[in-house]
PDB file of N, CA and C in Angstrom:
ATOM      1  N   MET A   1      60.959 103.806  85.211  1.00  0.00           N
ATOM      2  CA  MET A   1      61.715 103.025  86.372  1.00  0.00           C
ATOM      3  C   MET A   1      62.926 102.213  85.889  1.00  0.00           C
ATOM      4  N   GLU A   2      63.105 101.476  84.760  1.00  0.00           N
ATOM      5  CA  GLU A   2      64.359 101.190  84.020  1.00  0.00           C
ATOM      6  C   GLU A   2      65.322 102.105  84.185  1.00  0.00           C
ATOM      7  N   ARG A   3      65.460 103.197  83.681  1.00  0.00           N
ATOM      8  CA  ARG A   3      66.187 104.103  83.451  1.00  0.00           C
ATOM      9  C   ARG A   3      66.718 104.733  84.703  1.00  0.00           C
ATOM     10  N   PHE A   4      66.046 104.628  85.842  1.00  0.00           N
ATOM     11  CA  PHE A   4      66.265 104.899  87.445  1.00  0.00           C
ATOM     12  C   PHE A   4      67.257 103.268  88.023  1.00  0.00           C
ATOM     13  N   LEU A   5      67.036 102.251  87.351  1.00  0.00           N
ATOM     14  CA  LEU A   5      67.583 101.394  88.134  1.00  0.00           C
ATOM     15  C   LEU A   5      68.956 101.274  87.737  1.00  0.00           C
ATOM     16  N   GLN A   6      68.896 101.597  86.762  1.00  0.00           N
ATOM     17  CA  GLN A   6      70.114 101.223  85.521  1.00  0.00           C
ATOM     18  C   GLN A   6      71.250 102.238  86.405  1.00  0.00           C
ATOM     19  N   ARG A   7      70.487 103.586  86.670  1.00  0.00           N
ATOM     20  CA  ARG A   7      71.459 104.795  86.737  1.00  0.00           C
ATOM     21  C   ARG A   7      71.993 104.429  88.333  1.00  0.00           C
ATOM     22  N   ALA A   8      71.202 103.910  89.202  1.00  0.00           N
ATOM     23  CA  ALA A   8      71.767 103.507  90.536  1.00  0.00           C
ATOM     24  C   ALA A   8      72.503 102.263  90.616  1.00  0.00           C
ATOM     25  N   ALA A   9      72.178 101.228  89.901  1.00  0.00           N
ATOM     26  CA  ALA A   9      73.168 100.502  89.534  1.00  0.00           C
ATOM     27  C   ALA A   9      74.478 100.855  89.303  1.00  0.00           C
ATOM     28  N   ASP A  10      74.807 101.526  88.226  1.00  0.00           N
ATOM     29  CA  ASP A  10      76.309 102.445  87.994  1.00  0.00           C
ATOM     30  C   ASP A  10      76.767 102.935  88.969  1.00  0.00           C
ATOM     31  N   ILE A  11      75.521 103.973  89.795  1.00  0.00           N
ATOM     32  CA  ILE A  11      76.325 103.974  91.358  1.00  0.00           C
ATOM     33  C   ILE A  11      76.685 103.349  91.835  1.00  0.00           C
ATOM     34  N   LEU A  12      75.806 102.188  92.176  1.00  0.00           N
ATOM     35  CA  LEU A  12      76.067 101.342  93.233  1.00  0.00           C
ATOM     36  C   LEU A  12      77.675 100.349  92.796  1.00  0.00           C
ATOM     37  N   ASP A  13      77.820 100.486  91.886  1.00  0.00           N
ATOM     38  CA  ASP A  13      78.708  99.570  90.755  1.00  0.00           C
ATOM     39  C   ASP A  13      78.282  98.288  90.843  1.00  0.00           C
ATOM     40  N   VAL A  14      77.088  97.581  90.390  1.00  0.00           N
ATOM     41  CA  VAL A  14      76.716  96.431  90.428  1.00  0.00           C
ATOM     42  C   VAL A  14      75.981  96.192  89.203  1.00  0.00           C
ATOM     43  N   ASP A  15      75.737  95.087  88.632  1.00  0.00           N
ATOM     44  CA  ASP A  15      75.333  94.809  87.491  1.00  0.00           C
ATOM     45  C   ASP A  15      73.733  95.160  87.352  1.00  0.00           C
ATOM     46  N   THR A  16      72.985  94.763  88.162  1.00  0.00           N
ATOM     47  CA  THR A  16      71.750  94.986  88.416  1.00  0.00           C
ATOM     48  C   THR A  16      71.084  95.123  89.890  1.00  0.00           C
ATOM     49  N   VAL A  17      70.248  95.931  89.398  1.00  0.00           N
ATOM     50  CA  VAL A  17      68.878  96.007  91.243  1.00  0.00           C
ATOM     51  C   VAL A  17      67.905  95.905  90.644  1.00  0.00           C
ATOM     52  N   THR A  18      66.795  95.728  91.745  1.00  0.00           N
ATOM     53  CA  THR A  18      65.267  95.848  91.719  1.00  0.00           C
ATOM     54  C   THR A  18      64.943  96.777  92.631  1.00  0.00           C
ATOM     55  N   PRO A  19      63.912  97.105  92.657  1.00  0.00           N
ATOM     56  CA  PRO A  19      63.006  98.386  93.071  1.00  0.00           C
ATOM     57  C   PRO A  19      62.772  97.758  94.965  1.00  0.00           C
ATOM     58  N   GLU A  20      62.967  96.504  95.244  1.00  0.00           N
ATOM     59  CA  GLU A  20      63.431  95.969  96.279  1.00  0.00           C
ATOM     60  C   GLU A  20      65.011  95.496  96.797  1.00  0.00           C
ATOM     61  N   THR A  21      65.772  96.288  96.088  1.00  0.00           N
ATOM     62  CA  THR A  21      67.309  96.087  96.090  1.00  0.00           C
ATOM     63  C   THR A  21      67.240  97.251  97.646  1.00  0.00           C
ATOM     64  N   ARG A  22      68.032  96.841  98.877  1.00  0.00           N
ATOM     65  CA  ARG A  22      68.360  97.626  99.764  1.00  0.00           C
ATOM     66  C   ARG A  22      69.693  98.377  99.520  1.00  0.00           C
ATOM     67  N   PHE A  23      69.703  99.277  99.432  1.00  0.00           N
ATOM     68  CA  PHE A  23      70.729  99.709  98.852  1.00  0.00           C
ATOM     69  C   PHE A  23      72.035  99.761  99.583  1.00  0.00           C
ATOM     70  N   ARG A  24      71.657 100.044 100.877  1.00  0.00           N
ATOM     71  CA  ARG A  24      72.782 100.210 102.104  1.00  0.00           C
ATOM     72  C   ARG A  24      73.312  98.702 102.435  1.00  0.00           C
ATOM     73  N   GLU A  25      72.756  97.738 101.905  1.00  0.00           N
ATOM     74  CA  GLU A  25      73.468  96.075 101.703  1.00  0.00           C
ATOM     75  C   GLU A  25      74.298  95.580 100.751  1.00  0.00           C
ATOM     76  N   VAL A  26      74.155  96.651  99.506  1.00  0.00           N
ATOM     77  CA  VAL A  26      75.224  96.310  98.358  1.00  0.00           C
ATOM     78  C   VAL A  26      76.238  96.383  98.770  1.00  0.00           C
ATOM     79  N   PRO A  27      77.339  95.002  98.423  1.00  0.00           N
ATOM     80  CA  PRO A  27      78.680  95.146  98.829  1.00  0.00           C
ATOM     81  C   PRO A  27      79.561  96.378  98.404  1.00  0.00           C
ATOM     82  N   GLY A  28      80.437  96.566  99.478  1.00  0.00           N
ATOM     83  CA  GLY A  28      81.424  97.948  99.564  1.00  0.00           C
ATOM     84  C   GLY A  28      80.334  99.185  99.855  1.00  0.00           C
ATOM     85  N   TRP A  29      79.096  98.863 100.150  1.00  0.00           N
ATOM     86  CA  TRP A  29      78.567 100.287 100.135  1.00  0.00           C
ATOM     87  C   TRP A  29      79.274 101.617 100.758  1.00  0.00           C
ATOM     88  N   CYS A  30      79.215 102.725 100.680  1.00  0.00           N
ATOM     89  CA  CYS A  30      79.775 103.789 101.708  1.00  0.00           C
ATOM     90  C   CYS A  30      79.178 105.146 101.241  1.00  0.00           C
ATOM     91  N   SER A  31      79.523 106.079 101.984  1.00  0.00           N
ATOM     92  CA  SER A  31      78.973 107.787 102.216  1.00  0.00           C
ATOM     93  C   SER A  31      78.974 108.210 100.632  1.00  0.00           C
ATOM     94  N   LEU A  32      80.572 107.401  99.580  1.00  0.00           N
ATOM     95  CA  LEU A  32      80.506 108.032  98.014  1.00  0.00           C
ATOM     96  C   LEU A  32      78.909 107.275  97.472  1.00  0.00           C
ATOM     97  N   MET A  33      78.680 106.411  97.605  1.00  0.00           N
ATOM     98  CA  MET A  33      77.501 106.023  96.823  1.00  0.00           C
ATOM     99  C   MET A  33      76.340 106.463  97.437  1.00  0.00           C
ATOM    100  N   ALA A  34      76.169 106.444  98.478  1.00  0.00           N
ATOM    101  CA  ALA A  34      75.429 107.389  99.192  1.00  0.00           C
ATOM    102  C   ALA A  34      75.080 109.345  98.396  1.00  0.00           C
ATOM    103  N   PHE A  35      76.230 109.781  98.578  1.00  0.00           N
ATOM    104  CA  PHE A  35      76.404 110.804  98.090  1.00  0.00           C
ATOM    105  C   PHE A  35      75.910 110.792  96.471  1.00  0.00           C
ATOM    106  N   GLY A  36      76.561 109.597  95.386  1.00  0.00           N
ATOM    107  CA  GLY A  36      75.661 109.721  94.253  1.00  0.00           C
ATOM    108  C   GLY A  36      74.527 109.510  94.205  1.00  0.00           C
ATOM    109  N   LEU A  37      73.846 108.801  94.813  1.00  0.00           N
ATOM    110  CA  LEU A  37      72.411 108.616  94.940  1.00  0.00           C
ATOM    111  C   LEU A  37      71.782 110.161  95.313  1.00  0.00           C
ATOM    112  N   LEU A  38      72.013 110.639  96.071  1.00  0.00           N
ATOM    113  CA  LEU A  38      71.541 112.311  95.807  1.00  0.00           C
ATOM    114  C   LEU A  38      71.760 112.897  94.954  1.00  0.00           C
ATOM    115  N   VAL A  39      72.883 113.014  94.447  1.00  0.00           N
ATOM    116  CA  VAL A  39      73.191 114.060  92.989  1.00  0.00           C
ATOM    117  C   VAL A  39      72.309 113.573  91.995  1.00  0.00           C
ATOM    118  N   MET A  40      72.103 111.930  91.667  1.00  0.00           N
ATOM    119  CA  MET A  40      71.236 111.759  90.991  1.00  0.00           C
ATOM    120  C   MET A  40      69.918 111.914  91.281  1.00  0.00           C
ATOM    121  N   MET A  41      69.118 111.952  92.390  1.00  0.00           N
ATOM    122  CA  MET A  41      67.992 112.514  92.544  1.00  0.00           C
ATOM    123  C   MET A  41      67.718 113.715  91.951  1.00  0.00           C
ATOM    124  N   GLU A  42      68.505 114.624  92.431  1.00  0.00           N
ATOM    125  CA  GLU A  42      68.835 116.161  92.250  1.00  0.00           C
ATOM    126  C   GLU A  42      69.233 116.637  90.964  1.00  0.00           C
ATOM    127  N   SER A  43      70.026 116.107  90.279  1.00  0.00           N
ATOM    128  CA  SER A  43      70.232 116.655  89.050  1.00  0.00           C
ATOM    129  C   SER A  43      69.542 115.778  87.919  1.00  0.00           C
ATOM    130  N   ASP A  44      69.357 114.423  87.881  1.00  0.00           N
ATOM    131  CA  ASP A  44      68.478 113.899  87.091  1.00  0.00           C
ATOM    132  C   ASP A  44      66.869 113.589  87.229  1.00  0.00           C
ATOM    133  N   TYR A  45      66.635 114.038  88.080  1.00  0.00           N
ATOM    134  CA  TYR A  45      64.803 113.883  88.807  1.00  0.00           C
ATOM    135  C   TYR A  45      64.931 115.417  89.515  1.00  0.00           C
ATOM    136  N   SER A  46      65.171 116.227  89.614  1.00  0.00           N
ATOM    137  CA  SER A  46      64.748 117.542  90.276  1.00  0.00           C
ATOM    138  C   SER A  46      64.227 117.681  91.734  1.00  0.00           C
ATOM    139  N   ARG A  47      64.809 116.472  92.305  1.00  0.00           N
ATOM    140  CA  ARG A  47      64.418 116.366  93.690  1.00  0.00           C
ATOM    141  C   ARG A  47      65.508 116.064  94.383  1.00  0.00           C
ATOM    142  N   GLU A  48      65.349 116.825  95.524  1.00  0.00           N
ATOM    143  CA  GLU A  48      66.324 117.249  96.664  1.00  0.00           C
ATOM    144  C   GLU A  48      65.744 116.649  97.714  1.00  0.00           C
ATOM    145  N   LEU A  49      66.530 115.702  98.478  1.00  0.00           N
ATOM    146  CA  LEU A  49      66.141 114.927  99.466  1.00  0.00           C
ATOM    147  C   LEU A  49      67.118 115.627 100.823  1.00  0.00           C
ATOM    148  N   SER A  50      66.702 115.678 101.825  1.00  0.00           N
ATOM    149  CA  SER A  50      67.737 115.994 103.268  1.00  0.00           C
ATOM    150  C   SER A  50      68.252 114.794 103.051  1.00  0.00           C
ATOM    151  N   VAL A  51      69.223 114.616 104.280  1.00  0.00           N
ATOM    152  CA  VAL A  51      70.064 113.588 104.779  1.00  0.00           C
ATOM    153  C   VAL A  51      69.063 112.586 105.148  1.00  0.00           C
ATOM    154  N   GLU A  52      68.435 113.685 106.472  1.00  0.00           N
ATOM    155  CA  GLU A  52      67.378 112.903 107.528  1.00  0.00           C
ATOM    156  C   GLU A  52      66.161 111.994 106.173  1.00  0.00           C
ATOM    157  N   GLU A  53      65.635 112.638 105.589  1.00  0.00           N
ATOM    158  CA  GLU A  53      64.979 112.028 104.429  1.00  0.00           C
ATOM    159  C   GLU A  53      65.448 110.656 103.505  1.00  0.00           C
ATOM    160  N   PHE A  54      66.495 111.063 103.646  1.00  0.00           N
ATOM    161  CA  PHE A  54      67.480 109.331 103.053  1.00  0.00           C
ATOM    162  C   PHE A  54      67.243 108.520 104.200  1.00  0.00           C
ATOM    163  N   MET A  55      68.116 109.003 105.110  1.00  0.00           N
ATOM    164  CA  MET A  55      68.002 107.806 105.941  1.00  0.00           C
ATOM    165  C   MET A  55      67.002 107.062 106.410  1.00  0.00           C
ATOM    166  N   ARG A  56      65.491 107.696 106.069  1.00  0.00           N
ATOM    167  CA  ARG A  56      64.501 106.566 106.251  1.00  0.00           C
ATOM    168  C   ARG A  56      64.107 105.890 105.219  1.00  0.00           C
ATOM    169  N   ILE A  57      64.886 106.049 104.054  1.00  0.00           N
ATOM    170  CA  ILE A  57      64.688 105.284 102.584  1.00  0.00           C
ATOM    171  C   ILE A  57      65.600 104.233 102.989  1.00  0.00           C
ATOM    172  N   GLU A  58      65.021 102.911 102.641  1.00  0.00           N
ATOM    173  CA  GLU A  58      65.816 101.660 102.663  1.00  0.00           C
ATOM    174  C   GLU A  58      65.730 100.906 101.355  1.00  0.00           C
ATOM    175  N   THR A  59      64.651 101.113 100.462  1.00  0.00           N
ATOM    176  CA  THR A  59      65.293 100.469  99.111  1.00  0.00           C
ATOM    177  C   THR A  59      65.230 101.347  97.670  1.00  0.00           C
ATOM    178  N   LEU A  60      65.561 100.921  97.057  1.00  0.00           N
ATOM    179  CA  LEU A  60      65.286 101.630  95.233  1.00  0.00           C
ATOM    180  C   LEU A  60      63.836 101.877  95.199  1.00  0.00           C
ATOM    181  N   GLY A  61      63.376 100.596  95.630  1.00  0.00           N
ATOM    182  CA  GLY A  61      61.751 101.147  95.017  1.00  0.00           C
ATOM    183  C   GLY A  61      61.285 102.723  96.144  1.00  0.00           C
ATOM    184  N   GLN A  62      61.512 102.776  97.095  1.00  0.00           N
ATOM    185  CA  GLN A  62      61.033 103.528  98.149  1.00  0.00           C
ATOM    186  C   GLN A  62      61.938 105.723  97.243  1.00  0.00           C
ATOM    187  N   LEU A  63      63.204 104.879  97.002  1.00  0.00           N
ATOM    188  CA  LEU A  63      63.661 106.064  96.683  1.00  0.00           C
ATOM    189  C   LEU A  63      63.194 106.499  95.520  1.00  0.00           C
ATOM    190  N   PHE A  64      62.539 105.656  94.369  1.00  0.00           N
ATOM    191  CA  PHE A  64      62.189 106.037  93.207  1.00  0.00           C
ATOM    192  C   PHE A  64      60.537 106.714  93.762  1.00  0.00           C
ATOM    193  N   SER A  65      60.151 106.207  94.534  1.00  0.00           N
ATOM    194  CA  SER A  65      58.888 106.913  94.977  1.00  0.00           C
ATOM    195  C   SER A  65      58.647 108.283  95.455  1.00  0.00           C
ATOM    196  N   ARG A  66      59.716 108.762  95.898  1.00  0.00           N
ATOM    197  CA  ARG A  66      59.802 110.317  96.019  1.00  0.00           C
ATOM    198  C   ARG A  66      60.258 111.093  94.928  1.00  0.00           C
ATOM    199  N   ILE A  67      60.406 110.534  93.479  1.00  0.00           N
ATOM    200  CA  ILE A  67      60.445 111.229  92.393  1.00  0.00           C
ATOM    201  C   ILE A  67      59.086 111.806  92.069  1.00  0.00           C
ATOM    202  N   SER A  68      58.058 110.836  92.214  1.00  0.00           N
ATOM    203  CA  SER A  68      56.433 111.430  92.275  1.00  0.00           C
ATOM    204  C   SER A  68      55.836 112.247  92.979  1.00  0.00           C
ATOM    205  N   SER A  69      56.854 112.099  94.282  1.00  0.00           N
ATOM    206  CA  SER A  69      55.731 112.996  95.313  1.00  0.00           C
ATOM    207  C   SER A  69      56.150 114.298  95.507  1.00  0.00           C
TER     208      SER A  69
END
């Protein structure tokens, strides 16, 4: 999970994040960051998410849980 969180922090342009981080509340949140998280899920973890599924996810912990589902 540590690698996942570091990669997410890089995408969100912040120093650190936790599983409880509500990524849409990160300062400067934008569609480019959302796209980055979706690309990360697909390219790094071979897990495609639909936009509808992504919109139901609120925290990085919930996003991480999609890797094993």
